[in-house]
Amino acid sequence: MNLWVDDVRPCPSDDYEIAKSVFSAETMIVNREVIGDPYEMLDLDHDAGDYARRGGDYIKLLDWLEATKRNYPIRIHSMNPVGVQNIRAIIRKNNWKEVF
């Protein structure tokens, strides 16, 4: 199972669960880890729209992953070119795997 983090676009397939806010994504990640079935990949947008008030834009999820020393493969599906660059910089800084 993968985690789709986006406020507008629907999940691309049944292989995904959706989180619309950073706080929701954090909770879902922890819950999956607790049951011993972590996500295989996080698929991120950058801009959280109205959901930004619940944890910020989705790049904040990467800050949380860093702070909690979590490591997940990440795919970026954002249409925001600057946001993509910023997400990619954090992925590279941490030597995380980016999925294309």
Protein backbone atom coordinates (compact mmCIF):
# COMPACT_ATOMS: atom_id res chain seq x y z
CA MET A 1 0.00 0.00 0.00
CA ASN A 2 1.16 3.54 -0.83
CA LEU A 3 0.19 6.90 0.61
CA TRP A 4 -1.14 9.58 -1.77
CA VAL A 5 -0.74 13.06 -0.23
CA ASP A 6 -2.84 15.57 -2.15
CA ASP A 7 -5.72 17.96 -1.50
CA VAL A 8 -7.32 17.82 -4.97
CA ARG A 9 -6.30 14.88 -7.15
CA PRO A 10 -7.85 11.47 -6.52
CA CYS A 11 -5.69 8.43 -5.81
CA PRO A 12 -4.40 6.90 -9.04
CA SER A 13 -5.34 3.33 -8.06
CA ASP A 14 -6.58 1.04 -5.31
CA ASP A 15 -2.95 0.60 -4.22
CA TYR A 16 -3.15 3.96 -2.43
CA GLU A 17 -4.68 5.51 0.66
CA ILE A 18 -5.14 9.27 0.67
CA ALA A 19 -4.13 11.96 3.16
CA LYS A 20 -5.22 15.52 2.51
CA SER A 21 -3.23 17.20 5.29
CA VAL A 22 0.25 16.82 6.75
CA PHE A 23 -1.22 15.90 10.14
CA SER A 24 -3.36 13.19 8.53
CA ALA A 25 -0.36 11.81 6.66
CA GLU A 26 1.76 11.69 9.82
CA THR A 27 -1.00 9.87 11.70
CA MET A 28 -1.56 7.39 8.88
CA ILE A 29 2.18 6.65 8.61
CA VAL A 30 2.47 6.03 12.36
CA ASN A 31 -0.66 3.86 12.42
CA ARG A 32 0.65 1.67 9.58
CA GLU A 33 4.01 1.31 11.32
CA VAL A 34 2.31 0.32 14.60
CA ILE A 35 0.47 -2.55 12.91
CA GLY A 36 3.69 -3.65 11.18
CA ASP A 37 2.54 -2.82 7.66
CA PRO A 38 4.32 0.44 6.68
CA TYR A 39 3.66 2.18 3.41
CA GLU A 40 5.81 1.11 0.47
CA MET A 41 5.97 4.64 -0.96
CA LEU A 42 4.80 8.20 -0.27
CA ASP A 43 3.47 10.02 -3.33
CA LEU A 44 3.52 13.78 -2.70
CA ASP A 45 2.02 16.94 -4.05
CA HIS A 46 3.57 20.18 -2.78
CA ASP A 47 0.73 22.66 -2.27
CA ALA A 48 -1.84 21.71 0.36
CA GLY A 49 -4.40 24.39 -0.52
CA ASP A 50 -7.05 24.76 2.20
CA TYR A 51 -5.46 21.85 4.10
CA ALA A 52 -2.26 23.85 4.74
CA ARG A 53 -3.80 25.07 7.98
CA ARG A 54 -3.52 21.47 9.21
CA GLY A 55 0.25 21.07 9.09
CA GLY A 56 1.43 23.31 6.28
CA ASP A 57 2.25 22.48 2.68
CA TYR A 58 3.22 18.88 2.04
CA ILE A 59 6.94 19.60 2.12
CA LYS A 60 6.44 19.85 5.90
CA LEU A 61 5.85 16.11 5.88
CA LEU A 62 9.47 15.71 4.79
CA ASP A 63 10.59 17.87 7.72
CA TRP A 64 8.72 15.49 10.02
CA LEU A 65 10.25 12.43 8.33
CA GLU A 66 13.70 13.96 8.90
CA ALA A 67 13.01 14.84 12.54
CA THR A 68 11.67 11.36 13.30
CA LYS A 69 14.38 9.61 11.27
CA ARG A 70 11.93 7.87 8.97
CA ASN A 71 12.88 6.84 5.45
CA TYR A 72 10.36 6.07 2.73
CA PRO A 73 10.70 6.02 -1.05
CA ILE A 74 9.07 9.18 -2.37
CA ARG A 75 7.40 10.01 -5.67
CA ILE A 76 6.64 13.64 -6.47
CA HIS A 77 3.50 14.39 -8.48
CA SER A 78 3.36 18.14 -7.87
CA MET A 79 2.83 20.52 -10.78
CA ASN A 80 4.65 23.29 -8.87
CA PRO A 81 8.18 23.39 -10.39
CA VAL A 82 9.71 25.27 -7.45
CA GLY A 83 7.96 22.94 -5.01
CA VAL A 84 9.32 19.91 -6.88
CA GLN A 85 12.85 21.34 -6.67
CA ASN A 86 12.47 21.96 -2.94
CA ILE A 87 11.12 18.46 -2.26
CA ARG A 88 13.87 16.93 -4.38
CA ALA A 89 16.54 18.86 -2.45
CA ILE A 90 15.33 17.36 0.84
CA ILE A 91 15.21 13.87 -0.67
CA ARG A 92 18.80 14.20 -1.91
CA LYS A 93 20.07 15.75 1.32
CA ASN A 94 18.81 12.70 3.24
CA ASN A 95 19.87 10.13 0.64
CA TRP A 96 16.27 8.95 0.35
CA LYS A 97 15.05 7.13 -2.74
CA GLU A 98 13.07 9.14 -5.26
CA VAL A 99 10.71 7.04 -7.37
CA PHE A 100 10.14 8.22 -10.93
